[in-house]
Amino acid sequence: MAQPHEQPRPAGNGVVRLLDAFSAGDPGQVLSLRELLAGLRHSAFGMFLFVSILPGFIPIPGVGGAVGAPLVILIGLQLLAGLRQPWVPDFIGRRGPRRATMVRFCDRIRPWLGRLEHLIRPRLQVLTDSRAARVFTGLLLVLLGVLLALPIPLTNYLFAGLILLSALALMERDGVLLLALWLASAAALAGMALVSGQLTALVASWLRYLG
């Protein structure tokens, strides 16, 4: 007798299941970073980055950058150094978000994450696992973290969004998504450099006029 075909699991569900697992439980419980990262192996840097960027979506200028940017820079520096597992200082490892915060954030991103989950899947893993690729990812994260820390109007969600997608790409080991984010991040950095140069030239011309 023929056995019914099992429905294939949609690609990319690993991220959703992982977030759901961390969100289930006592809403008031604090999830320490060490607890969140324990046993994740290849996904550890992605989870560390995911938790670190949560404050970046706080709609108050300067707050998200001041809280999340230092951790994003720390993660980028560790990737630059070639670490295979994230190092978390003890005073940071004991801290973390409450389950209720994870639930609220996951509920906020679930609609578009649900649309992305069929696209995010393990592929081209050389771009998530090789030393050279991780170093380049680390460099971009350091630069994005620095920009996130600056109180630049209307850029908070842009930089936080790029970092969040990088976290999902690292969690799911999706090299194709990571490659797209390299290009998008490079374009964002180039755009900021261009705008900063234009602002610097404008201020210099004003100073010459006033002088």
N, C-alpha and C. Protein backbone atom coordinates (compact mmCIF):
# COMPACT_ATOMS: atom_id res chain seq x y z
N MET A 1 0.86 -1.20 0.00
CA MET A 1 0.00 0.00 0.00
C MET A 1 0.89 1.24 0.00
N ALA A 2 0.61 2.15 -0.90
CA ALA A 2 1.46 3.32 -1.02
C ALA A 2 1.27 4.25 0.17
N GLN A 3 2.37 4.74 0.66
CA GLN A 3 2.32 5.67 1.77
C GLN A 3 2.06 7.08 1.25
N PRO A 4 1.24 7.84 1.96
CA PRO A 4 0.99 9.21 1.51
C PRO A 4 2.27 10.02 1.57
N HIS A 5 2.40 10.87 0.59
CA HIS A 5 3.59 11.70 0.55
C HIS A 5 3.54 12.72 1.68
N GLU A 6 4.65 12.86 2.38
CA GLU A 6 4.73 13.86 3.44
C GLU A 6 4.91 15.24 2.83
N GLN A 7 4.17 16.20 3.34
CA GLN A 7 4.29 17.55 2.84
C GLN A 7 5.65 18.11 3.21
N PRO A 8 6.38 18.64 2.23
CA PRO A 8 7.68 19.20 2.56
C PRO A 8 7.56 20.43 3.46
N ARG A 9 8.52 20.58 4.36
CA ARG A 9 8.52 21.73 5.24
C ARG A 9 8.99 22.95 4.46
N PRO A 10 8.27 24.04 4.54
CA PRO A 10 8.69 25.22 3.81
C PRO A 10 10.07 25.67 4.25
N ALA A 11 10.87 26.03 3.26
CA ALA A 11 12.22 26.49 3.57
C ALA A 11 12.16 27.76 4.38
N GLY A 12 13.11 27.87 5.31
CA GLY A 12 13.20 29.10 6.08
C GLY A 12 12.41 29.08 7.36
N ASN A 13 11.65 28.01 7.64
CA ASN A 13 10.86 27.96 8.86
C ASN A 13 11.71 27.89 10.11
N GLY A 14 12.99 27.56 9.98
CA GLY A 14 13.85 27.42 11.14
C GLY A 14 13.90 28.68 11.97
N VAL A 15 13.97 29.83 11.33
CA VAL A 15 14.01 31.09 12.06
C VAL A 15 12.73 31.31 12.84
N VAL A 16 11.60 31.08 12.19
CA VAL A 16 10.31 31.29 12.85
C VAL A 16 10.15 30.36 14.05
N ARG A 17 10.50 29.08 13.87
CA ARG A 17 10.37 28.12 14.97
C ARG A 17 11.29 28.49 16.13
N LEU A 18 12.49 28.95 15.81
CA LEU A 18 13.43 29.32 16.86
C LEU A 18 12.92 30.51 17.66
N LEU A 19 12.40 31.51 16.99
CA LEU A 19 11.87 32.67 17.69
C LEU A 19 10.64 32.33 18.50
N ASP A 20 9.79 31.46 17.94
CA ASP A 20 8.60 31.03 18.69
C ASP A 20 8.99 30.28 19.96
N ALA A 21 10.04 29.47 19.87
CA ALA A 21 10.48 28.69 21.04
C ALA A 21 10.98 29.62 22.14
N PHE A 22 11.70 30.67 21.77
CA PHE A 22 12.21 31.59 22.78
C PHE A 22 11.10 32.48 23.33
N SER A 23 10.03 32.67 22.56
CA SER A 23 8.94 33.55 23.00
C SER A 23 7.94 32.83 23.90
N ALA A 24 7.96 31.49 23.90
CA ALA A 24 6.98 30.73 24.67
C ALA A 24 7.43 30.60 26.12
N GLY A 25 6.54 30.94 27.06
CA GLY A 25 6.86 30.81 28.47
C GLY A 25 6.36 32.01 29.25
N ASP A 26 6.90 32.19 30.45
CA ASP A 26 6.51 33.27 31.33
C ASP A 26 6.89 34.61 30.71
N PRO A 27 5.92 35.48 30.42
CA PRO A 27 6.22 36.76 29.75
C PRO A 27 7.18 37.64 30.55
N GLY A 28 7.18 37.49 31.88
CA GLY A 28 8.04 38.34 32.70
C GLY A 28 9.46 37.83 32.85
N GLN A 29 9.73 36.63 32.36
CA GLN A 29 11.06 36.05 32.51
C GLN A 29 12.07 36.77 31.62
N VAL A 30 13.24 37.04 32.18
CA VAL A 30 14.32 37.64 31.40
C VAL A 30 15.11 36.53 30.73
N LEU A 31 15.29 36.65 29.42
CA LEU A 31 16.08 35.68 28.66
C LEU A 31 17.50 36.21 28.54
N SER A 32 18.42 35.64 29.29
CA SER A 32 19.79 36.11 29.22
C SER A 32 20.39 35.76 27.87
N LEU A 33 21.36 36.56 27.44
CA LEU A 33 22.02 36.30 26.17
C LEU A 33 22.70 34.93 26.17
N ARG A 34 23.28 34.56 27.30
CA ARG A 34 23.93 33.24 27.36
C ARG A 34 22.92 32.13 27.13
N GLU A 35 21.71 32.29 27.68
CA GLU A 35 20.66 31.29 27.47
C GLU A 35 20.22 31.25 26.02
N LEU A 36 20.11 32.44 25.41
CA LEU A 36 19.66 32.50 24.02
C LEU A 36 20.68 31.88 23.06
N LEU A 37 21.96 32.04 23.38
CA LEU A 37 23.01 31.59 22.46
C LEU A 37 23.44 30.15 22.70
N ALA A 38 23.07 29.59 23.85
CA ALA A 38 23.55 28.26 24.20
C ALA A 38 23.09 27.22 23.19
N GLY A 39 24.04 26.46 22.65
CA GLY A 39 23.74 25.34 21.77
C GLY A 39 23.33 25.70 20.36
N LEU A 40 23.46 26.98 19.96
CA LEU A 40 23.01 27.37 18.62
C LEU A 40 24.04 27.10 17.54
N ARG A 41 25.30 26.96 17.91
CA ARG A 41 26.39 26.66 16.97
C ARG A 41 26.42 27.66 15.82
N HIS A 42 26.07 27.22 14.60
CA HIS A 42 26.20 28.09 13.43
C HIS A 42 25.28 29.31 13.51
N SER A 43 24.19 29.21 14.26
CA SER A 43 23.22 30.30 14.31
C SER A 43 23.51 31.28 15.44
N ALA A 44 24.57 31.06 16.22
CA ALA A 44 24.80 31.86 17.42
C ALA A 44 25.04 33.33 17.09
N PHE A 45 25.88 33.61 16.09
CA PHE A 45 26.12 35.01 15.75
C PHE A 45 24.83 35.67 15.25
N GLY A 46 24.04 34.94 14.48
CA GLY A 46 22.79 35.50 13.99
C GLY A 46 21.83 35.83 15.12
N MET A 47 21.71 34.93 16.11
CA MET A 47 20.83 35.20 17.24
C MET A 47 21.34 36.36 18.08
N PHE A 48 22.67 36.41 18.30
CA PHE A 48 23.26 37.52 19.05
C PHE A 48 22.95 38.85 18.35
N LEU A 49 23.10 38.86 17.04
CA LEU A 49 22.82 40.07 16.27
C LEU A 49 21.34 40.42 16.31
N PHE A 50 20.49 39.40 16.22
CA PHE A 50 19.04 39.61 16.25
C PHE A 50 18.61 40.28 17.55
N VAL A 51 19.10 39.75 18.68
CA VAL A 51 18.72 40.32 19.98
C VAL A 51 19.31 41.72 20.14
N SER A 52 20.52 41.91 19.62
CA SER A 52 21.19 43.20 19.79
C SER A 52 20.49 44.32 19.03
N ILE A 53 19.85 43.99 17.91
CA ILE A 53 19.26 45.04 17.08
C ILE A 53 17.83 45.36 17.50
N LEU A 54 17.25 44.64 18.44
CA LEU A 54 15.89 44.94 18.88
C LEU A 54 15.71 46.40 19.29
N PRO A 55 16.65 46.98 20.08
CA PRO A 55 16.46 48.39 20.45
C PRO A 55 16.51 49.34 19.25
N GLY A 56 17.07 48.89 18.13
CA GLY A 56 17.16 49.75 16.96
C GLY A 56 15.80 50.10 16.38
N PHE A 57 14.76 49.39 16.78
CA PHE A 57 13.42 49.66 16.26
C PHE A 57 12.59 50.47 17.24
N ILE A 58 13.23 50.96 18.31
CA ILE A 58 12.52 51.86 19.22
C ILE A 58 12.38 53.21 18.53
N PRO A 59 11.15 53.71 18.33
CA PRO A 59 10.95 54.94 17.54
C PRO A 59 11.28 56.22 18.30
N ILE A 60 12.43 56.24 18.98
CA ILE A 60 12.89 57.43 19.69
C ILE A 60 14.30 57.73 19.20
N PRO A 61 14.55 58.88 18.56
CA PRO A 61 15.87 59.17 18.01
C PRO A 61 16.98 59.01 19.06
N GLY A 62 18.01 58.26 18.69
CA GLY A 62 19.16 58.11 19.55
C GLY A 62 19.09 56.95 20.52
N VAL A 63 17.87 56.50 20.89
CA VAL A 63 17.75 55.43 21.88
C VAL A 63 18.22 54.10 21.32
N GLY A 64 17.68 53.71 20.15
CA GLY A 64 18.06 52.44 19.56
C GLY A 64 19.54 52.36 19.27
N GLY A 65 20.09 53.47 18.75
CA GLY A 65 21.51 53.47 18.44
C GLY A 65 22.37 53.37 19.67
N ALA A 66 22.00 54.10 20.72
CA ALA A 66 22.80 54.10 21.93
C ALA A 66 22.82 52.75 22.60
N VAL A 67 21.73 52.00 22.49
CA VAL A 67 21.64 50.69 23.17
C VAL A 67 22.15 49.57 22.27
N GLY A 68 21.67 49.52 21.02
CA GLY A 68 21.98 48.39 20.16
C GLY A 68 23.27 48.50 19.38
N ALA A 69 23.66 49.72 19.00
CA ALA A 69 24.82 49.90 18.14
C ALA A 69 26.12 49.35 18.73
N PRO A 70 26.41 49.57 20.03
CA PRO A 70 27.66 49.01 20.57
C PRO A 70 27.75 47.50 20.45
N LEU A 71 26.61 46.80 20.64
CA LEU A 71 26.62 45.34 20.51
C LEU A 71 26.79 44.92 19.05
N VAL A 72 26.17 45.65 18.13
CA VAL A 72 26.35 45.35 16.71
C VAL A 72 27.81 45.51 16.32
N ILE A 73 28.45 46.58 16.80
CA ILE A 73 29.87 46.80 16.52
C ILE A 73 30.71 45.69 17.14
N LEU A 74 30.36 45.27 18.36
CA LEU A 74 31.09 44.18 19.03
C LEU A 74 31.00 42.90 18.20
N ILE A 75 29.82 42.59 17.69
CA ILE A 75 29.65 41.39 16.86
C ILE A 75 30.46 41.51 15.58
N GLY A 76 30.42 42.69 14.95
CA GLY A 76 31.20 42.89 13.74
C GLY A 76 32.68 42.71 13.98
N LEU A 77 33.20 43.22 15.09
CA LEU A 77 34.61 43.09 15.40
C LEU A 77 34.99 41.62 15.64
N GLN A 78 34.09 40.85 16.24
CA GLN A 78 34.37 39.43 16.47
C GLN A 78 34.41 38.65 15.16
N LEU A 79 33.52 39.01 14.23
CA LEU A 79 33.57 38.38 12.91
C LEU A 79 34.85 38.77 12.18
N LEU A 80 35.25 40.04 12.32
CA LEU A 80 36.50 40.50 11.72
C LEU A 80 37.69 39.72 12.29
N ALA A 81 37.62 39.40 13.58
CA ALA A 81 38.72 38.67 14.23
C ALA A 81 38.71 37.19 13.90
N GLY A 82 37.66 36.72 13.22
CA GLY A 82 37.61 35.32 12.82
C GLY A 82 37.07 34.37 13.87
N LEU A 83 36.39 34.89 14.89
CA LEU A 83 35.82 33.99 15.91
C LEU A 83 34.71 33.14 15.29
N ARG A 84 34.65 31.88 15.69
CA ARG A 84 33.61 30.99 15.19
C ARG A 84 32.37 31.00 16.07
N GLN A 85 32.53 31.38 17.33
CA GLN A 85 31.42 31.51 18.26
C GLN A 85 31.52 32.88 18.92
N PRO A 86 30.39 33.53 19.19
CA PRO A 86 30.45 34.86 19.77
C PRO A 86 30.96 34.85 21.21
N TRP A 87 31.77 35.83 21.53
CA TRP A 87 32.20 36.06 22.91
C TRP A 87 31.33 37.14 23.50
N VAL A 88 30.74 36.84 24.66
CA VAL A 88 29.82 37.77 25.32
C VAL A 88 30.39 38.12 26.69
N PRO A 89 30.70 39.39 26.94
CA PRO A 89 31.16 39.79 28.28
C PRO A 89 30.14 39.37 29.34
N ASP A 90 30.63 39.04 30.50
CA ASP A 90 29.75 38.49 31.54
C ASP A 90 28.63 39.45 31.91
N PHE A 91 28.95 40.75 32.00
CA PHE A 91 27.93 41.71 32.42
C PHE A 91 26.84 41.86 31.35
N ILE A 92 27.17 41.52 30.10
CA ILE A 92 26.17 41.54 29.03
C ILE A 92 25.46 40.18 28.95
N GLY A 93 26.21 39.10 29.11
CA GLY A 93 25.64 37.77 29.01
C GLY A 93 24.55 37.49 30.02
N ARG A 94 24.64 38.15 31.19
CA ARG A 94 23.60 37.95 32.22
C ARG A 94 22.32 38.69 31.90
N ARG A 95 22.39 39.61 30.96
CA ARG A 95 21.23 40.44 30.62
C ARG A 95 20.60 39.97 29.31
N GLY A 96 19.42 40.51 29.04
CA GLY A 96 18.73 40.15 27.82
C GLY A 96 17.30 40.64 27.85
N PRO A 97 16.54 40.40 26.80
CA PRO A 97 15.15 40.88 26.74
C PRO A 97 14.22 40.00 27.56
N ARG A 98 13.13 40.58 28.00
CA ARG A 98 12.06 39.79 28.61
C ARG A 98 11.32 39.03 27.50
N ARG A 99 10.73 37.91 27.88
CA ARG A 99 9.96 37.15 26.89
C ARG A 99 8.87 38.02 26.26
N ALA A 100 8.25 38.87 27.09
CA ALA A 100 7.18 39.72 26.57
C ALA A 100 7.70 40.64 25.47
N THR A 101 8.94 41.11 25.61
CA THR A 101 9.54 41.96 24.58
C THR A 101 9.76 41.17 23.30
N MET A 102 10.27 39.93 23.46
CA MET A 102 10.46 39.07 22.29
C MET A 102 9.14 38.81 21.58
N VAL A 103 8.09 38.58 22.37
CA VAL A 103 6.78 38.30 21.78
C VAL A 103 6.28 39.50 20.99
N ARG A 104 6.39 40.70 21.59
CA ARG A 104 5.92 41.90 20.90
C ARG A 104 6.70 42.13 19.61
N PHE A 105 8.02 41.96 19.67
CA PHE A 105 8.83 42.20 18.49
C PHE A 105 8.53 41.16 17.42
N CYS A 106 8.42 39.89 17.83
CA CYS A 106 8.13 38.83 16.85
C CYS A 106 6.76 39.04 16.21
N ASP A 107 5.79 39.49 17.02
CA ASP A 107 4.47 39.77 16.46
C ASP A 107 4.53 40.92 15.45
N ARG A 108 5.42 41.88 15.71
CA ARG A 108 5.54 43.03 14.81
C ARG A 108 6.13 42.62 13.46
N ILE A 109 7.14 41.74 13.51
CA ILE A 109 7.82 41.39 12.25
C ILE A 109 7.23 40.15 11.60
N ARG A 110 6.31 39.46 12.31
CA ARG A 110 5.79 38.19 11.79
C ARG A 110 5.13 38.32 10.41
N PRO A 111 4.33 39.38 10.14
CA PRO A 111 3.68 39.44 8.82
C PRO A 111 4.66 39.40 7.66
N TRP A 112 5.72 40.25 7.70
CA TRP A 112 6.65 40.23 6.58
C TRP A 112 7.65 39.09 6.70
N LEU A 113 7.92 38.64 7.95
CA LEU A 113 8.80 37.49 8.09
C LEU A 113 8.11 36.24 7.53
N GLY A 114 6.79 36.18 7.69
CA GLY A 114 6.05 35.06 7.12
C GLY A 114 6.14 35.02 5.60
N ARG A 115 6.20 36.21 4.99
CA ARG A 115 6.35 36.26 3.53
C ARG A 115 7.78 35.93 3.11
N LEU A 116 8.75 36.23 3.99
CA LEU A 116 10.14 35.98 3.66
C LEU A 116 10.58 34.55 3.94
N GLU A 117 9.84 33.85 4.84
CA GLU A 117 10.35 32.57 5.32
C GLU A 117 10.46 31.53 4.21
N HIS A 118 9.70 31.68 3.12
CA HIS A 118 9.82 30.74 2.01
C HIS A 118 11.02 31.08 1.12
N LEU A 119 11.59 32.28 1.33
CA LEU A 119 12.73 32.69 0.54
C LEU A 119 14.05 32.52 1.30
N ILE A 120 13.98 32.62 2.64
CA ILE A 120 15.19 32.49 3.46
C ILE A 120 15.42 31.02 3.76
N ARG A 121 16.53 30.49 3.28
CA ARG A 121 16.82 29.08 3.51
C ARG A 121 18.33 28.85 3.35
N PRO A 122 18.84 27.75 3.87
CA PRO A 122 20.28 27.48 3.71
C PRO A 122 20.66 27.31 2.24
N ARG A 123 21.55 28.16 1.77
CA ARG A 123 22.04 28.10 0.38
C ARG A 123 23.30 28.95 0.27
N LEU A 124 24.15 28.57 -0.67
CA LEU A 124 25.41 29.27 -0.88
C LEU A 124 26.11 29.53 0.46
N GLN A 125 26.22 28.47 1.25
CA GLN A 125 26.69 28.62 2.63
C GLN A 125 28.16 29.03 2.73
N VAL A 126 28.88 28.99 1.63
CA VAL A 126 30.27 29.46 1.65
C VAL A 126 30.32 30.94 2.03
N LEU A 127 29.25 31.70 1.74
CA LEU A 127 29.22 33.12 2.06
C LEU A 127 28.85 33.37 3.51
N THR A 128 28.37 32.39 4.22
CA THR A 128 28.09 32.56 5.65
C THR A 128 29.11 31.85 6.52
N ASP A 129 29.84 30.90 5.94
CA ASP A 129 30.73 30.07 6.75
C ASP A 129 32.22 30.32 6.51
N SER A 130 32.60 30.83 5.33
CA SER A 130 34.02 31.00 5.05
C SER A 130 34.59 32.17 5.82
N ARG A 131 35.88 32.09 6.11
CA ARG A 131 36.55 33.13 6.90
C ARG A 131 36.49 34.48 6.19
N ALA A 132 36.80 34.51 4.90
CA ALA A 132 36.84 35.78 4.17
C ALA A 132 35.46 36.45 4.15
N ALA A 133 34.42 35.63 3.92
CA ALA A 133 33.07 36.19 3.86
C ALA A 133 32.64 36.73 5.22
N ARG A 134 32.99 36.02 6.28
CA ARG A 134 32.60 36.47 7.62
C ARG A 134 33.34 37.75 7.99
N VAL A 135 34.59 37.87 7.55
CA VAL A 135 35.35 39.10 7.80
C VAL A 135 34.69 40.28 7.10
N PHE A 136 34.26 40.09 5.85
CA PHE A 136 33.60 41.17 5.11
C PHE A 136 32.27 41.53 5.77
N THR A 137 31.52 40.51 6.19
CA THR A 137 30.26 40.77 6.90
C THR A 137 30.53 41.55 8.18
N GLY A 138 31.58 41.18 8.90
CA GLY A 138 31.93 41.89 10.13
C GLY A 138 32.25 43.35 9.87
N LEU A 139 33.00 43.62 8.78
CA LEU A 139 33.34 45.00 8.45
C LEU A 139 32.09 45.82 8.18
N LEU A 140 31.15 45.27 7.40
CA LEU A 140 29.91 45.99 7.12
C LEU A 140 29.09 46.22 8.39
N LEU A 141 29.08 45.24 9.29
CA LEU A 141 28.32 45.40 10.53
C LEU A 141 28.93 46.50 11.40
N VAL A 142 30.25 46.57 11.44
CA VAL A 142 30.90 47.64 12.21
C VAL A 142 30.50 49.01 11.65
N LEU A 143 30.54 49.15 10.33
CA LEU A 143 30.19 50.43 9.71
C LEU A 143 28.71 50.76 9.91
N LEU A 144 27.83 49.76 9.75
CA LEU A 144 26.40 49.99 9.98
C LEU A 144 26.13 50.32 11.44
N GLY A 145 26.85 49.66 12.35
CA GLY A 145 26.68 49.95 13.78
C GLY A 145 27.08 51.37 14.11
N VAL A 146 28.16 51.85 13.51
CA VAL A 146 28.59 53.23 13.74
C VAL A 146 27.52 54.20 13.23
N LEU A 147 26.98 53.96 12.03
CA LEU A 147 25.94 54.83 11.49
C LEU A 147 24.67 54.76 12.33
N LEU A 148 24.35 53.57 12.84
CA LEU A 148 23.16 53.44 13.69
C LEU A 148 23.31 54.25 14.96
N ALA A 149 24.54 54.37 15.45
CA ALA A 149 24.78 55.10 16.70
C ALA A 149 24.64 56.61 16.52
N LEU A 150 24.76 57.08 15.27
CA LEU A 150 24.67 58.52 15.02
C LEU A 150 23.21 58.96 14.98
N PRO A 151 22.89 60.10 15.57
CA PRO A 151 21.49 60.58 15.57
C PRO A 151 21.12 61.22 14.24
N ILE A 152 21.12 60.41 13.18
CA ILE A 152 20.78 60.92 11.85
C ILE A 152 19.29 60.70 11.62
N PRO A 153 18.52 61.75 11.37
CA PRO A 153 17.07 61.60 11.20
C PRO A 153 16.71 60.65 10.06
N LEU A 154 15.65 59.86 10.27
CA LEU A 154 15.04 59.01 9.25
C LEU A 154 15.92 57.85 8.78
N THR A 155 17.00 57.56 9.49
CA THR A 155 17.88 56.45 9.08
C THR A 155 17.83 55.28 10.05
N ASN A 156 17.17 55.46 11.18
CA ASN A 156 17.17 54.43 12.22
C ASN A 156 16.67 53.09 11.68
N TYR A 157 15.49 53.11 11.04
CA TYR A 157 14.91 51.87 10.55
C TYR A 157 15.68 51.30 9.36
N LEU A 158 16.28 52.16 8.56
CA LEU A 158 17.05 51.68 7.41
C LEU A 158 18.23 50.83 7.86
N PHE A 159 19.05 51.36 8.74
CA PHE A 159 20.22 50.62 9.19
C PHE A 159 19.83 49.43 10.06
N ALA A 160 18.83 49.62 10.92
CA ALA A 160 18.37 48.51 11.76
C ALA A 160 17.79 47.40 10.91
N GLY A 161 17.08 47.76 9.83
CA GLY A 161 16.50 46.75 8.95
C GLY A 161 17.57 45.93 8.24
N LEU A 162 18.62 46.60 7.77
CA LEU A 162 19.72 45.88 7.12
C LEU A 162 20.41 44.93 8.10
N ILE A 163 20.58 45.38 9.33
CA ILE A 163 21.22 44.54 10.35
C ILE A 163 20.33 43.37 10.72
N LEU A 164 19.01 43.63 10.84
CA LEU A 164 18.08 42.55 11.17
C LEU A 164 18.08 41.48 10.08
N LEU A 165 18.04 41.88 8.82
CA LEU A 165 18.08 40.90 7.74
C LEU A 165 19.41 40.15 7.72
N SER A 166 20.49 40.82 8.08
CA SER A 166 21.78 40.13 8.19
C SER A 166 21.72 39.07 9.29
N ALA A 167 21.04 39.39 10.38
CA ALA A 167 20.89 38.41 11.46
C ALA A 167 20.13 37.18 10.98
N LEU A 168 19.05 37.40 10.22
CA LEU A 168 18.26 36.28 9.71
C LEU A 168 19.08 35.46 8.71
N ALA A 169 19.89 36.13 7.88
CA ALA A 169 20.72 35.41 6.92
C ALA A 169 21.75 34.54 7.64
N LEU A 170 22.34 35.06 8.72
CA LEU A 170 23.31 34.28 9.48
C LEU A 170 22.64 33.14 10.24
N MET A 171 21.45 33.38 10.77
CA MET A 171 20.73 32.34 11.50
C MET A 171 20.36 31.18 10.59
N GLU A 172 19.94 31.50 9.36
CA GLU A 172 19.49 30.48 8.43
C GLU A 172 20.60 30.03 7.49
N ARG A 173 21.80 30.68 7.59
CA ARG A 173 22.94 30.38 6.72
C ARG A 173 22.55 30.53 5.25
N ASP A 174 21.93 31.67 4.96
CA ASP A 174 21.47 31.97 3.61
C ASP A 174 22.48 32.91 2.94
N GLY A 175 23.40 32.35 2.16
CA GLY A 175 24.42 33.15 1.51
C GLY A 175 23.88 34.05 0.42
N VAL A 176 22.81 33.65 -0.24
CA VAL A 176 22.21 34.48 -1.29
C VAL A 176 21.66 35.77 -0.69
N LEU A 177 20.91 35.64 0.41
CA LEU A 177 20.39 36.83 1.08
C LEU A 177 21.54 37.69 1.59
N LEU A 178 22.57 37.06 2.14
CA LEU A 178 23.70 37.81 2.67
C LEU A 178 24.40 38.60 1.56
N LEU A 179 24.53 37.99 0.38
CA LEU A 179 25.14 38.68 -0.75
C LEU A 179 24.31 39.90 -1.14
N ALA A 180 22.99 39.75 -1.18
CA ALA A 180 22.12 40.88 -1.50
C ALA A 180 22.27 41.99 -0.45
N LEU A 181 22.44 41.60 0.81
CA LEU A 181 22.60 42.58 1.87
C LEU A 181 23.96 43.27 1.79
N TRP A 182 24.98 42.55 1.34
CA TRP A 182 26.27 43.21 1.12
C TRP A 182 26.11 44.36 0.14
N LEU A 183 25.41 44.09 -0.97
CA LEU A 183 25.22 45.12 -1.99
C LEU A 183 24.37 46.28 -1.46
N ALA A 184 23.29 45.94 -0.73
CA ALA A 184 22.41 46.98 -0.19
C ALA A 184 23.15 47.82 0.86
N SER A 185 23.94 47.15 1.71
CA SER A 185 24.68 47.86 2.74
C SER A 185 25.73 48.77 2.13
N ALA A 186 26.43 48.25 1.10
CA ALA A 186 27.44 49.06 0.43
C ALA A 186 26.80 50.29 -0.22
N ALA A 187 25.60 50.11 -0.81
CA ALA A 187 24.90 51.24 -1.42
C ALA A 187 24.48 52.26 -0.34
N ALA A 188 24.00 51.77 0.79
CA ALA A 188 23.60 52.67 1.88
C ALA A 188 24.80 53.45 2.41
N LEU A 189 25.93 52.76 2.58
CA LEU A 189 27.14 53.42 3.07
C LEU A 189 27.64 54.46 2.07
N ALA A 190 27.60 54.11 0.78
CA ALA A 190 28.03 55.06 -0.24
C ALA A 190 27.10 56.27 -0.27
N GLY A 191 25.80 56.03 -0.13
CA GLY A 191 24.84 57.13 -0.10
C GLY A 191 25.07 58.06 1.07
N MET A 192 25.34 57.49 2.25
CA MET A 192 25.61 58.32 3.42
C MET A 192 26.90 59.11 3.24
N ALA A 193 27.92 58.48 2.63
CA ALA A 193 29.18 59.19 2.39
C ALA A 193 28.96 60.36 1.45
N LEU A 194 28.14 60.14 0.41
CA LEU A 194 27.85 61.20 -0.54
C LEU A 194 27.10 62.35 0.12
N VAL A 195 26.07 62.00 0.90
CA VAL A 195 25.29 63.04 1.59
C VAL A 195 26.17 63.79 2.59
N SER A 196 27.01 63.06 3.32
CA SER A 196 27.89 63.70 4.30
C SER A 196 28.86 64.65 3.61
N GLY A 197 29.38 64.23 2.45
CA GLY A 197 30.28 65.09 1.71
C GLY A 197 29.60 66.36 1.24
N GLN A 198 28.35 66.21 0.78
CA GLN A 198 27.60 67.38 0.32
C GLN A 198 27.30 68.32 1.48
N LEU A 199 26.95 67.75 2.64
CA LEU A 199 26.67 68.59 3.81
C LEU A 199 27.93 69.32 4.26
N THR A 200 29.07 68.60 4.23
CA THR A 200 30.33 69.23 4.63
C THR A 200 30.67 70.39 3.70
N ALA A 201 30.49 70.19 2.40
CA ALA A 201 30.76 71.25 1.43
C ALA A 201 29.81 72.43 1.63
N LEU A 202 28.53 72.13 1.95
CA LEU A 202 27.56 73.20 2.16
C LEU A 202 27.92 74.03 3.39
N VAL A 203 28.28 73.36 4.49
CA VAL A 203 28.67 74.07 5.71
C VAL A 203 29.91 74.91 5.46
N ALA A 204 30.88 74.34 4.72
CA ALA A 204 32.10 75.08 4.42
C ALA A 204 31.80 76.34 3.61
N SER A 205 30.87 76.23 2.64
CA SER A 205 30.52 77.42 1.84
C SER A 205 29.82 78.47 2.69
N TRP A 206 28.96 78.04 3.63
CA TRP A 206 28.31 78.98 4.54
C TRP A 206 29.34 79.71 5.39
N LEU A 207 30.32 78.96 5.91
CA LEU A 207 31.35 79.56 6.75
C LEU A 207 32.17 80.58 5.97
N ARG A 208 32.49 80.26 4.72
CA ARG A 208 33.23 81.21 3.89
C ARG A 208 32.40 82.47 3.63
N TYR A 209 31.08 82.27 3.43
CA TYR A 209 30.19 83.42 3.19
C TYR A 209 30.10 84.31 4.42
N LEU A 210 29.99 83.66 5.61
CA LEU A 210 29.89 84.43 6.84
C LEU A 210 31.19 85.15 7.17
N GLY A 211 32.31 84.49 6.74
CA GLY A 211 33.60 85.10 7.02
C GLY A 211 33.85 86.29 6.11
